[in-house]
Amino acid sequence: MTIREWMERRAPAPPETLTRQMIALLGDDANADAFALPEICVAASARALERLLADARFARESATELLAIDALTTYAFEYASATPDASSRLAALTERAAVLLGQLTPLRV
């Protein structure tokens, strides 16, 4: 199963606009194997947030993209928590997310 397929099968389904935005932020990575979802979604979230901050897009027009960034991060942790090695995978993902997302704060604030 691909990341795209996993997202499209979520129940209850998120709004279609949000799913489309998440898949757009993933780009070609949406077709990767779902096993890599946690790492790929966190990386996509960081890239998208970096673009928002770099472009100083803080208005309402960017709200859907910001919600998609949040949803990708949430999905990353949700998926990782449902794997057989959840404890170690969550620990590694938390560390990776803290590094990727944490680097953005001092660069832009």
PDB file of N, CA and C in Angstrom:
ATOM      1  N   MET A   1       0.844  -1.168   0.000  1.00  0.00           N
ATOM      2  CA  MET A   1       0.000   0.000   0.000  1.00  0.00           C
ATOM      3  C   MET A   1       0.894   1.237   0.000  1.00  0.00           C
ATOM      4  N   THR A   2       0.498   2.228  -0.773  1.00  0.00           N
ATOM      5  CA  THR A   2       1.263   3.473  -0.827  1.00  0.00           C
ATOM      6  C   THR A   2       0.746   4.450   0.235  1.00  0.00           C
ATOM      7  N   ILE A   3       1.507   5.501   0.448  1.00  0.00           N
ATOM      8  CA  ILE A   3       1.081   6.546   1.378  1.00  0.00           C
ATOM      9  C   ILE A   3      -0.228   7.158   0.899  1.00  0.00           C
ATOM     10  N   ARG A   4      -0.321   7.426  -0.390  1.00  0.00           N
ATOM     11  CA  ARG A   4      -1.545   7.995  -0.966  1.00  0.00           C
ATOM     12  C   ARG A   4      -2.747   7.097  -0.674  1.00  0.00           C
ATOM     13  N   GLU A   5      -2.596   5.806  -0.907  1.00  0.00           N
ATOM     14  CA  GLU A   5      -3.691   4.863  -0.666  1.00  0.00           C
ATOM     15  C   GLU A   5      -4.084   4.838   0.807  1.00  0.00           C
ATOM     16  N   TRP A   6      -3.083   4.836   1.689  1.00  0.00           N
ATOM     17  CA  TRP A   6      -3.366   4.840   3.125  1.00  0.00           C
ATOM     18  C   TRP A   6      -4.177   6.077   3.500  1.00  0.00           C
ATOM     19  N   MET A   7      -3.773   7.226   2.984  1.00  0.00           N
ATOM     20  CA  MET A   7      -4.470   8.478   3.296  1.00  0.00           C
ATOM     21  C   MET A   7      -5.889   8.481   2.738  1.00  0.00           C
ATOM     22  N   GLU A   8      -6.059   7.978   1.550  1.00  0.00           N
ATOM     23  CA  GLU A   8      -7.371   7.988   0.905  1.00  0.00           C
ATOM     24  C   GLU A   8      -8.342   7.008   1.560  1.00  0.00           C
ATOM     25  N   ARG A   9      -7.824   6.073   2.338  1.00  0.00           N
ATOM     26  CA  ARG A   9      -8.673   5.083   3.011  1.00  0.00           C
ATOM     27  C   ARG A   9      -8.977   5.432   4.461  1.00  0.00           C
ATOM     28  N   ARG A  10      -8.573   6.587   4.913  1.00  0.00           N
ATOM     29  CA  ARG A  10      -8.804   6.981   6.302  1.00  0.00           C
ATOM     30  C   ARG A  10     -10.292   7.036   6.597  1.00  0.00           C
ATOM     31  N   ALA A  11     -10.653   6.567   7.775  1.00  0.00           N
ATOM     32  CA  ALA A  11     -12.043   6.628   8.204  1.00  0.00           C
ATOM     33  C   ALA A  11     -12.069   7.085   9.654  1.00  0.00           C
ATOM     34  N   PRO A  12     -12.782   8.096   9.958  1.00  0.00           N
ATOM     35  CA  PRO A  12     -13.559   8.903   9.021  1.00  0.00           C
ATOM     36  C   PRO A  12     -12.628   9.727   8.130  1.00  0.00           C
ATOM     37  N   ALA A  13     -13.069   9.930   6.939  1.00  0.00           N
ATOM     38  CA  ALA A  13     -12.249  10.646   5.959  1.00  0.00           C
ATOM     39  C   ALA A  13     -12.178  12.130   6.298  1.00  0.00           C
ATOM     40  N   PRO A  14     -10.986  12.696   6.162  1.00  0.00           N
ATOM     41  CA  PRO A  14     -10.883  14.153   6.336  1.00  0.00           C
ATOM     42  C   PRO A  14     -11.530  14.835   5.127  1.00  0.00           C
ATOM     43  N   PRO A  15     -11.737  16.127   5.188  1.00  0.00           N
ATOM     44  CA  PRO A  15     -12.271  16.829   4.015  1.00  0.00           C
ATOM     45  C   PRO A  15     -11.384  16.567   2.790  1.00  0.00           C
ATOM     46  N   GLU A  16     -12.020  16.404   1.655  1.00  0.00           N
ATOM     47  CA  GLU A  16     -11.290  16.090   0.422  1.00  0.00           C
ATOM     48  C   GLU A  16     -10.220  17.133   0.096  1.00  0.00           C
ATOM     49  N   THR A  17     -10.525  18.387   0.364  1.00  0.00           N
ATOM     50  CA  THR A  17      -9.560  19.465   0.118  1.00  0.00           C
ATOM     51  C   THR A  17      -8.292  19.262   0.941  1.00  0.00           C
ATOM     52  N   LEU A  18      -8.448  18.839   2.174  1.00  0.00           N
ATOM     53  CA  LEU A  18      -7.295  18.605   3.041  1.00  0.00           C
ATOM     54  C   LEU A  18      -6.466  17.430   2.536  1.00  0.00           C
ATOM     55  N   THR A  19      -7.129  16.358   2.134  1.00  0.00           N
ATOM     56  CA  THR A  19      -6.400  15.201   1.602  1.00  0.00           C
ATOM     57  C   THR A  19      -5.635  15.598   0.345  1.00  0.00           C
ATOM     58  N   ARG A  20      -6.266  16.339  -0.546  1.00  0.00           N
ATOM     59  CA  ARG A  20      -5.575  16.778  -1.775  1.00  0.00           C
ATOM     60  C   ARG A  20      -4.359  17.634  -1.438  1.00  0.00           C
ATOM     61  N   GLN A  21      -4.499  18.520  -0.455  1.00  0.00           N
ATOM     62  CA  GLN A  21      -3.385  19.391  -0.069  1.00  0.00           C
ATOM     63  C   GLN A  21      -2.238  18.573   0.524  1.00  0.00           C
ATOM     64  N   MET A  22      -2.559  17.588   1.360  1.00  0.00           N
ATOM     65  CA  MET A  22      -1.503  16.743   1.934  1.00  0.00           C
ATOM     66  C   MET A  22      -0.761  15.989   0.838  1.00  0.00           C
ATOM     67  N   ILE A  23      -1.496  15.431  -0.099  1.00  0.00           N
ATOM     68  CA  ILE A  23      -0.870  14.680  -1.189  1.00  0.00           C
ATOM     69  C   ILE A  23      -0.023  15.608  -2.050  1.00  0.00           C
ATOM     70  N   ALA A  24      -0.501  16.822  -2.268  1.00  0.00           N
ATOM     71  CA  ALA A  24       0.288  17.795  -3.024  1.00  0.00           C
ATOM     72  C   ALA A  24       1.595  18.122  -2.299  1.00  0.00           C
ATOM     73  N   LEU A  25       1.539  18.273  -0.980  1.00  0.00           N
ATOM     74  CA  LEU A  25       2.759  18.560  -0.218  1.00  0.00           C
ATOM     75  C   LEU A  25       3.735  17.391  -0.255  1.00  0.00           C
ATOM     76  N   LEU A  26       3.206  16.190  -0.347  1.00  0.00           N
ATOM     77  CA  LEU A  26       4.072  15.006  -0.427  1.00  0.00           C
ATOM     78  C   LEU A  26       4.735  14.881  -1.792  1.00  0.00           C
ATOM     79  N   GLY A  27       4.081  15.359  -2.832  1.00  0.00           N
ATOM     80  CA  GLY A  27       4.623  15.227  -4.180  1.00  0.00           C
ATOM     81  C   GLY A  27       4.770  13.759  -4.552  1.00  0.00           C
ATOM     82  N   ASP A  28       5.870  13.420  -5.204  1.00  0.00           N
ATOM     83  CA  ASP A  28       6.115  12.043  -5.639  1.00  0.00           C
ATOM     84  C   ASP A  28       6.195  11.064  -4.469  1.00  0.00           C
ATOM     85  N   ASP A  29       6.529  11.567  -3.284  1.00  0.00           N
ATOM     86  CA  ASP A  29       6.611  10.691  -2.109  1.00  0.00           C
ATOM     87  C   ASP A  29       5.266  10.085  -1.730  1.00  0.00           C
ATOM     88  N   ALA A  30       4.174  10.620  -2.244  1.00  0.00           N
ATOM     89  CA  ALA A  30       2.853  10.040  -1.965  1.00  0.00           C
ATOM     90  C   ALA A  30       2.753   8.621  -2.504  1.00  0.00           C
ATOM     91  N   ASN A  31       3.602   8.283  -3.454  1.00  0.00           N
ATOM     92  CA  ASN A  31       3.584   6.946  -4.059  1.00  0.00           C
ATOM     93  C   ASN A  31       4.560   5.983  -3.388  1.00  0.00           C
ATOM     94  N   ALA A  32       5.223   6.422  -2.341  1.00  0.00           N
ATOM     95  CA  ALA A  32       6.149   5.550  -1.610  1.00  0.00           C
ATOM     96  C   ALA A  32       5.367   4.538  -0.781  1.00  0.00           C
ATOM     97  N   ASP A  33       6.040   3.475  -0.389  1.00  0.00           N
ATOM     98  CA  ASP A  33       5.419   2.458   0.452  1.00  0.00           C
ATOM     99  C   ASP A  33       4.994   3.084   1.778  1.00  0.00           C
ATOM    100  N   ALA A  34       3.811   2.725   2.238  1.00  0.00           N
ATOM    101  CA  ALA A  34       3.264   3.311   3.461  1.00  0.00           C
ATOM    102  C   ALA A  34       4.143   3.062   4.683  1.00  0.00           C
ATOM    103  N   PHE A  35       4.967   2.031   4.670  1.00  0.00           N
ATOM    104  CA  PHE A  35       5.849   1.788   5.810  1.00  0.00           C
ATOM    105  C   PHE A  35       6.722   3.006   6.104  1.00  0.00           C
ATOM    106  N   ALA A  36       7.057   3.765   5.060  1.00  0.00           N
ATOM    107  CA  ALA A  36       7.908   4.950   5.224  1.00  0.00           C
ATOM    108  C   ALA A  36       7.109   6.202   5.559  1.00  0.00           C
ATOM    109  N   LEU A  37       5.802   6.073   5.733  1.00  0.00           N
ATOM    110  CA  LEU A  37       4.930   7.225   5.960  1.00  0.00           C
ATOM    111  C   LEU A  37       5.398   8.145   7.081  1.00  0.00           C
ATOM    112  N   PRO A  38       5.745   7.644   8.251  1.00  0.00           N
ATOM    113  CA  PRO A  38       6.119   8.578   9.326  1.00  0.00           C
ATOM    114  C   PRO A  38       7.274   9.510   8.948  1.00  0.00           C
ATOM    115  N   GLU A  39       8.325   8.952   8.451  1.00  0.00           N
ATOM    116  CA  GLU A  39       9.500   9.758   8.105  1.00  0.00           C
ATOM    117  C   GLU A  39       9.216  10.697   6.935  1.00  0.00           C
ATOM    118  N   ILE A  40       8.514  10.191   5.930  1.00  0.00           N
ATOM    119  CA  ILE A  40       8.213  10.998   4.749  1.00  0.00           C
ATOM    120  C   ILE A  40       7.264  12.145   5.093  1.00  0.00           C
ATOM    121  N   CYS A  41       6.258  11.869   5.898  1.00  0.00           N
ATOM    122  CA  CYS A  41       5.300  12.926   6.258  1.00  0.00           C
ATOM    123  C   CYS A  41       5.943  14.011   7.108  1.00  0.00           C
ATOM    124  N   VAL A  42       6.805  13.634   8.038  1.00  0.00           N
ATOM    125  CA  VAL A  42       7.489  14.645   8.848  1.00  0.00           C
ATOM    126  C   VAL A  42       8.408  15.493   7.971  1.00  0.00           C
ATOM    127  N   ALA A  43       9.113  14.865   7.048  1.00  0.00           N
ATOM    128  CA  ALA A  43       9.999  15.612   6.149  1.00  0.00           C
ATOM    129  C   ALA A  43       9.193  16.562   5.261  1.00  0.00           C
ATOM    130  N   ALA A  44       8.068  16.096   4.742  1.00  0.00           N
ATOM    131  CA  ALA A  44       7.215  16.949   3.905  1.00  0.00           C
ATOM    132  C   ALA A  44       6.653  18.109   4.720  1.00  0.00           C
ATOM    133  N   SER A  45       6.274  17.850   5.960  1.00  0.00           N
ATOM    134  CA  SER A  45       5.776  18.912   6.839  1.00  0.00           C
ATOM    135  C   SER A  45       6.841  19.983   7.041  1.00  0.00           C
ATOM    136  N   ALA A  46       8.049  19.556   7.301  1.00  0.00           N
ATOM    137  CA  ALA A  46       9.138  20.507   7.528  1.00  0.00           C
ATOM    138  C   ALA A  46       9.414  21.336   6.276  1.00  0.00           C
ATOM    139  N   ARG A  47       9.434  20.683   5.114  1.00  0.00           N
ATOM    140  CA  ARG A  47       9.675  21.422   3.862  1.00  0.00           C
ATOM    141  C   ARG A  47       8.575  22.455   3.620  1.00  0.00           C
ATOM    142  N   ALA A  48       7.330  22.044   3.809  1.00  0.00           N
ATOM    143  CA  ALA A  48       6.208  22.950   3.558  1.00  0.00           C
ATOM    144  C   ALA A  48       6.199  24.111   4.558  1.00  0.00           C
ATOM    145  N   LEU A  49       6.471  23.815   5.817  1.00  0.00           N
ATOM    146  CA  LEU A  49       6.513  24.878   6.820  1.00  0.00           C
ATOM    147  C   LEU A  49       7.663  25.838   6.538  1.00  0.00           C
ATOM    148  N   GLU A  50       8.774  25.314   6.108  1.00  0.00           N
ATOM    149  CA  GLU A  50       9.915  26.158   5.735  1.00  0.00           C
ATOM    150  C   GLU A  50       9.512  27.123   4.621  1.00  0.00           C
ATOM    151  N   ARG A  51       8.796  26.631   3.616  1.00  0.00           N
ATOM    152  CA  ARG A  51       8.347  27.492   2.513  1.00  0.00           C
ATOM    153  C   ARG A  51       7.378  28.573   3.012  1.00  0.00           C
ATOM    154  N   LEU A  52       6.448  28.183   3.865  1.00  0.00           N
ATOM    155  CA  LEU A  52       5.501  29.166   4.408  1.00  0.00           C
ATOM    156  C   LEU A  52       6.233  30.273   5.163  1.00  0.00           C
ATOM    157  N   LEU A  53       7.174  29.877   5.994  1.00  0.00           N
ATOM    158  CA  LEU A  53       7.923  30.857   6.776  1.00  0.00           C
ATOM    159  C   LEU A  53       8.810  31.721   5.886  1.00  0.00           C
ATOM    160  N   ALA A  54       9.481  31.103   4.936  1.00  0.00           N
ATOM    161  CA  ALA A  54      10.380  31.844   4.046  1.00  0.00           C
ATOM    162  C   ALA A  54       9.617  32.876   3.220  1.00  0.00           C
ATOM    163  N   ASP A  55       8.401  32.513   2.828  1.00  0.00           N
ATOM    164  CA  ASP A  55       7.585  33.415   2.018  1.00  0.00           C
ATOM    165  C   ASP A  55       6.740  34.359   2.868  1.00  0.00           C
ATOM    166  N   ALA A  56       6.859  34.244   4.194  1.00  0.00           N
ATOM    167  CA  ALA A  56       6.079  35.061   5.136  1.00  0.00           C
ATOM    168  C   ALA A  56       4.590  35.009   4.805  1.00  0.00           C
ATOM    169  N   ARG A  57       4.111  33.797   4.548  1.00  0.00           N
ATOM    170  CA  ARG A  57       2.687  33.606   4.234  1.00  0.00           C
ATOM    171  C   ARG A  57       1.951  33.255   5.526  1.00  0.00           C
ATOM    172  N   PHE A  58       1.470  34.273   6.195  1.00  0.00           N
ATOM    173  CA  PHE A  58       0.817  34.096   7.485  1.00  0.00           C
ATOM    174  C   PHE A  58      -0.672  34.450   7.449  1.00  0.00           C
ATOM    175  N   ALA A  59      -1.189  34.777   6.288  1.00  0.00           N
ATOM    176  CA  ALA A  59      -2.585  35.192   6.170  1.00  0.00           C
ATOM    177  C   ALA A  59      -3.512  33.981   6.047  1.00  0.00           C
ATOM    178  N   ARG A  60      -4.783  34.267   6.074  1.00  0.00           N
ATOM    179  CA  ARG A  60      -5.798  33.217   6.007  1.00  0.00           C
ATOM    180  C   ARG A  60      -5.686  32.375   4.744  1.00  0.00           C
ATOM    181  N   GLU A  61      -5.154  32.945   3.686  1.00  0.00           N
ATOM    182  CA  GLU A  61      -5.037  32.233   2.416  1.00  0.00           C
ATOM    183  C   GLU A  61      -4.135  30.997   2.544  1.00  0.00           C
ATOM    184  N   SER A  62      -3.305  30.959   3.545  1.00  0.00           N
ATOM    185  CA  SER A  62      -2.399  29.828   3.752  1.00  0.00           C
ATOM    186  C   SER A  62      -2.921  28.842   4.789  1.00  0.00           C
ATOM    187  N   ALA A  63      -4.127  29.047   5.266  1.00  0.00           N
ATOM    188  CA  ALA A  63      -4.665  28.208   6.338  1.00  0.00           C
ATOM    189  C   ALA A  63      -4.781  26.740   5.933  1.00  0.00           C
ATOM    190  N   THR A  64      -5.222  26.467   4.718  1.00  0.00           N
ATOM    191  CA  THR A  64      -5.360  25.069   4.285  1.00  0.00           C
ATOM    192  C   THR A  64      -4.008  24.380   4.245  1.00  0.00           C
ATOM    193  N   GLU A  65      -3.005  25.092   3.778  1.00  0.00           N
ATOM    194  CA  GLU A  65      -1.671  24.502   3.743  1.00  0.00           C
ATOM    195  C   GLU A  65      -1.154  24.239   5.155  1.00  0.00           C
ATOM    196  N   LEU A  66      -1.393  25.162   6.060  1.00  0.00           N
ATOM    197  CA  LEU A  66      -0.965  24.972   7.444  1.00  0.00           C
ATOM    198  C   LEU A  66      -1.706  23.801   8.092  1.00  0.00           C
ATOM    199  N   LEU A  67      -2.986  23.666   7.808  1.00  0.00           N
ATOM    200  CA  LEU A  67      -3.739  22.515   8.311  1.00  0.00           C
ATOM    201  C   LEU A  67      -3.193  21.209   7.733  1.00  0.00           C
ATOM    202  N   ALA A  68      -2.792  21.226   6.466  1.00  0.00           N
ATOM    203  CA  ALA A  68      -2.222  20.024   5.846  1.00  0.00           C
ATOM    204  C   ALA A  68      -0.880  19.675   6.485  1.00  0.00           C
ATOM    205  N   ILE A  69      -0.088  20.664   6.817  1.00  0.00           N
ATOM    206  CA  ILE A  69       1.180  20.429   7.502  1.00  0.00           C
ATOM    207  C   ILE A  69       0.922  19.763   8.851  1.00  0.00           C
ATOM    208  N   ASP A  70      -0.034  20.292   9.575  1.00  0.00           N
ATOM    209  CA  ASP A  70      -0.404  19.711  10.863  1.00  0.00           C
ATOM    210  C   ASP A  70      -0.917  18.282  10.689  1.00  0.00           C
ATOM    211  N   ALA A  71      -1.760  18.063   9.701  1.00  0.00           N
ATOM    212  CA  ALA A  71      -2.322  16.724   9.468  1.00  0.00           C
ATOM    213  C   ALA A  71      -1.239  15.721   9.079  1.00  0.00           C
ATOM    214  N   LEU A  72      -0.296  16.125   8.255  1.00  0.00           N
ATOM    215  CA  LEU A  72       0.801  15.228   7.884  1.00  0.00           C
ATOM    216  C   LEU A  72       1.608  14.819   9.108  1.00  0.00           C
ATOM    217  N   THR A  73       1.866  15.771   9.972  1.00  0.00           N
ATOM    218  CA  THR A  73       2.616  15.470  11.195  1.00  0.00           C
ATOM    219  C   THR A  73       1.810  14.533  12.087  1.00  0.00           C
ATOM    220  N   THR A  74       0.531  14.792  12.213  1.00  0.00           N
ATOM    221  CA  THR A  74      -0.342  13.927  13.017  1.00  0.00           C
ATOM    222  C   THR A  74      -0.376  12.512  12.439  1.00  0.00           C
ATOM    223  N   TYR A  75      -0.533  12.402  11.127  1.00  0.00           N
ATOM    224  CA  TYR A  75      -0.555  11.082  10.484  1.00  0.00           C
ATOM    225  C   TYR A  75       0.756  10.341  10.715  1.00  0.00           C
ATOM    226  N   ALA A  76       1.861  11.057  10.694  1.00  0.00           N
ATOM    227  CA  ALA A  76       3.161  10.418  10.910  1.00  0.00           C
ATOM    228  C   ALA A  76       3.192   9.712  12.262  1.00  0.00           C
ATOM    229  N   PHE A  77       2.745  10.410  13.287  1.00  0.00           N
ATOM    230  CA  PHE A  77       2.763   9.822  14.627  1.00  0.00           C
ATOM    231  C   PHE A  77       1.675   8.761  14.799  1.00  0.00           C
ATOM    232  N   GLU A  78       0.540   8.972  14.180  1.00  0.00           N
ATOM    233  CA  GLU A  78      -0.528   7.974  14.246  1.00  0.00           C
ATOM    234  C   GLU A  78      -0.081   6.656  13.612  1.00  0.00           C
ATOM    235  N   TYR A  79       0.516   6.746  12.440  1.00  0.00           N
ATOM    236  CA  TYR A  79       0.970   5.537  11.747  1.00  0.00           C
ATOM    237  C   TYR A  79       2.063   4.840  12.545  1.00  0.00           C
ATOM    238  N   ALA A  80       3.033   5.601  13.012  1.00  0.00           N
ATOM    239  CA  ALA A  80       4.147   5.016  13.768  1.00  0.00           C
ATOM    240  C   ALA A  80       3.660   4.338  15.035  1.00  0.00           C
ATOM    241  N   SER A  81       2.633   4.889  15.663  1.00  0.00           N
ATOM    242  CA  SER A  81       2.130   4.306  16.909  1.00  0.00           C
ATOM    243  C   SER A  81       1.394   2.993  16.687  1.00  0.00           C
ATOM    244  N   ALA A  82       1.019   2.707  15.452  1.00  0.00           N
ATOM    245  CA  ALA A  82       0.278   1.485  15.147  1.00  0.00           C
ATOM    246  C   ALA A  82       1.172   0.371  14.592  1.00  0.00           C
ATOM    247  N   THR A  83       2.477   0.590  14.583  1.00  0.00           N
ATOM    248  CA  THR A  83       3.390  -0.428  14.066  1.00  0.00           C
ATOM    249  C   THR A  83       3.838  -1.348  15.200  1.00  0.00           C
ATOM    250  N   PRO A  84       4.278  -2.566  14.855  1.00  0.00           N
ATOM    251  CA  PRO A  84       4.707  -3.508  15.895  1.00  0.00           C
ATOM    252  C   PRO A  84       5.833  -2.974  16.788  1.00  0.00           C
ATOM    253  N   ASP A  85       6.723  -2.188  16.227  1.00  0.00           N
ATOM    254  CA  ASP A  85       7.844  -1.627  16.988  1.00  0.00           C
ATOM    255  C   ASP A  85       7.559  -0.173  17.371  1.00  0.00           C
ATOM    256  N   ALA A  86       6.319   0.085  17.770  1.00  0.00           N
ATOM    257  CA  ALA A  86       5.844   1.454  17.986  1.00  0.00           C
ATOM    258  C   ALA A  86       6.719   2.251  18.943  1.00  0.00           C
ATOM    259  N   SER A  87       7.137   1.659  20.029  1.00  0.00           N
ATOM    260  CA  SER A  87       7.890   2.403  21.027  1.00  0.00           C
ATOM    261  C   SER A  87       9.189   2.963  20.456  1.00  0.00           C
ATOM    262  N   SER A  88       9.965   2.120  19.816  1.00  0.00           N
ATOM    263  CA  SER A  88      11.241   2.592  19.263  1.00  0.00           C
ATOM    264  C   SER A  88      11.023   3.490  18.052  1.00  0.00           C
ATOM    265  N   ARG A  89      10.006   3.186  17.261  1.00  0.00           N
ATOM    266  CA  ARG A  89       9.743   4.001  16.084  1.00  0.00           C
ATOM    267  C   ARG A  89       9.258   5.396  16.483  1.00  0.00           C
ATOM    268  N   LEU A  90       8.413   5.467  17.492  1.00  0.00           N
ATOM    269  CA  LEU A  90       7.948   6.772  17.971  1.00  0.00           C
ATOM    270  C   LEU A  90       9.087   7.596  18.555  1.00  0.00           C
ATOM    271  N   ALA A  91       9.968   6.938  19.275  1.00  0.00           N
ATOM    272  CA  ALA A  91      11.114   7.654  19.853  1.00  0.00           C
ATOM    273  C   ALA A  91      11.991   8.243  18.753  1.00  0.00           C
ATOM    274  N   ALA A  92      12.281   7.451  17.739  1.00  0.00           N
ATOM    275  CA  ALA A  92      13.111   7.935  16.629  1.00  0.00           C
ATOM    276  C   ALA A  92      12.398   9.041  15.851  1.00  0.00           C
ATOM    277  N   LEU A  93      11.103   8.872  15.638  1.00  0.00           N
ATOM    278  CA  LEU A  93      10.338   9.877  14.899  1.00  0.00           C
ATOM    279  C   LEU A  93      10.259  11.185  15.679  1.00  0.00           C
ATOM    280  N   THR A  94      10.075  11.104  16.969  1.00  0.00           N
ATOM    281  CA  THR A  94      10.021  12.299  17.802  1.00  0.00           C
ATOM    282  C   THR A  94      11.328  13.069  17.722  1.00  0.00           C
ATOM    283  N   GLU A  95      12.420  12.340  17.793  1.00  0.00           N
ATOM    284  CA  GLU A  95      13.732  12.987  17.692  1.00  0.00           C
ATOM    285  C   GLU A  95      13.913  13.643  16.330  1.00  0.00           C
ATOM    286  N   ARG A  96      13.545  12.929  15.270  1.00  0.00           N
ATOM    287  CA  ARG A  96      13.695  13.457  13.911  1.00  0.00           C
ATOM    288  C   ARG A  96      12.811  14.690  13.701  1.00  0.00           C
ATOM    289  N   ALA A  97      11.566  14.612  14.160  1.00  0.00           N
ATOM    290  CA  ALA A  97      10.646  15.742  14.006  1.00  0.00           C
ATOM    291  C   ALA A  97      11.138  16.958  14.787  1.00  0.00           C
ATOM    292  N   ALA A  98      11.655  16.724  15.982  1.00  0.00           N
ATOM    293  CA  ALA A  98      12.163  17.830  16.789  1.00  0.00           C
ATOM    294  C   ALA A  98      13.319  18.529  16.083  1.00  0.00           C
ATOM    295  N   VAL A  99      14.178  17.750  15.455  1.00  0.00           N
ATOM    296  CA  VAL A  99      15.312  18.337  14.734  1.00  0.00           C
ATOM    297  C   VAL A  99      14.824  19.115  13.519  1.00  0.00           C
ATOM    298  N   LEU A 100      14.009  18.464  12.677  1.00  0.00           N
ATOM    299  CA  LEU A 100      13.555  19.112  11.439  1.00  0.00           C
ATOM    300  C   LEU A 100      12.706  20.350  11.704  1.00  0.00           C
ATOM    301  N   LEU A 101      11.717  20.212  12.555  1.00  0.00           N
ATOM    302  CA  LEU A 101      10.815  21.330  12.809  1.00  0.00           C
ATOM    303  C   LEU A 101      11.438  22.359  13.749  1.00  0.00           C
ATOM    304  N   GLY A 102      12.244  21.896  14.678  1.00  0.00           N
ATOM    305  CA  GLY A 102      12.903  22.803  15.612  1.00  0.00           C
ATOM    306  C   GLY A 102      13.900  23.733  14.953  1.00  0.00           C
ATOM    307  N   GLN A 103      14.505  23.298  13.857  1.00  0.00           N
ATOM    308  CA  GLN A 103      15.467  24.137  13.140  1.00  0.00           C
ATOM    309  C   GLN A 103      14.807  25.357  12.534  1.00  0.00           C
ATOM    310  N   LEU A 104      13.522  25.294  12.317  1.00  0.00           N
ATOM    311  CA  LEU A 104      12.831  26.402  11.659  1.00  0.00           C
ATOM    312  C   LEU A 104      12.625  27.597  12.576  1.00  0.00           C
ATOM    313  N   THR A 105      12.479  27.367  13.847  1.00  0.00           N
ATOM    314  CA  THR A 105      12.184  28.450  14.779  1.00  0.00           C
ATOM    315  C   THR A 105      13.287  29.503  14.829  1.00  0.00           C
ATOM    316  N   PRO A 106      14.527  29.133  15.111  1.00  0.00           N
ATOM    317  CA  PRO A 106      15.543  30.187  15.194  1.00  0.00           C
ATOM    318  C   PRO A 106      15.836  30.865  13.848  1.00  0.00           C
ATOM    319  N   LEU A 107      15.547  30.175  12.764  1.00  0.00           N
ATOM    320  CA  LEU A 107      15.803  30.758  11.449  1.00  0.00           C
ATOM    321  C   LEU A 107      14.804  31.835  11.079  1.00  0.00           C
ATOM    322  N   ARG A 108      13.595  31.763  11.644  1.00  0.00           N
ATOM    323  CA  ARG A 108      12.535  32.643  11.185  1.00  0.00           C
ATOM    324  C   ARG A 108      11.966  33.564  12.246  1.00  0.00           C
ATOM    325  N   VAL A 109      12.277  33.325  13.499  1.00  0.00           N
ATOM    326  CA  VAL A 109      11.680  34.147  14.551  1.00  0.00           C
ATOM    327  C   VAL A 109      12.611  35.271  14.927  1.00  0.00           C
TER     328      VAL A 109
END
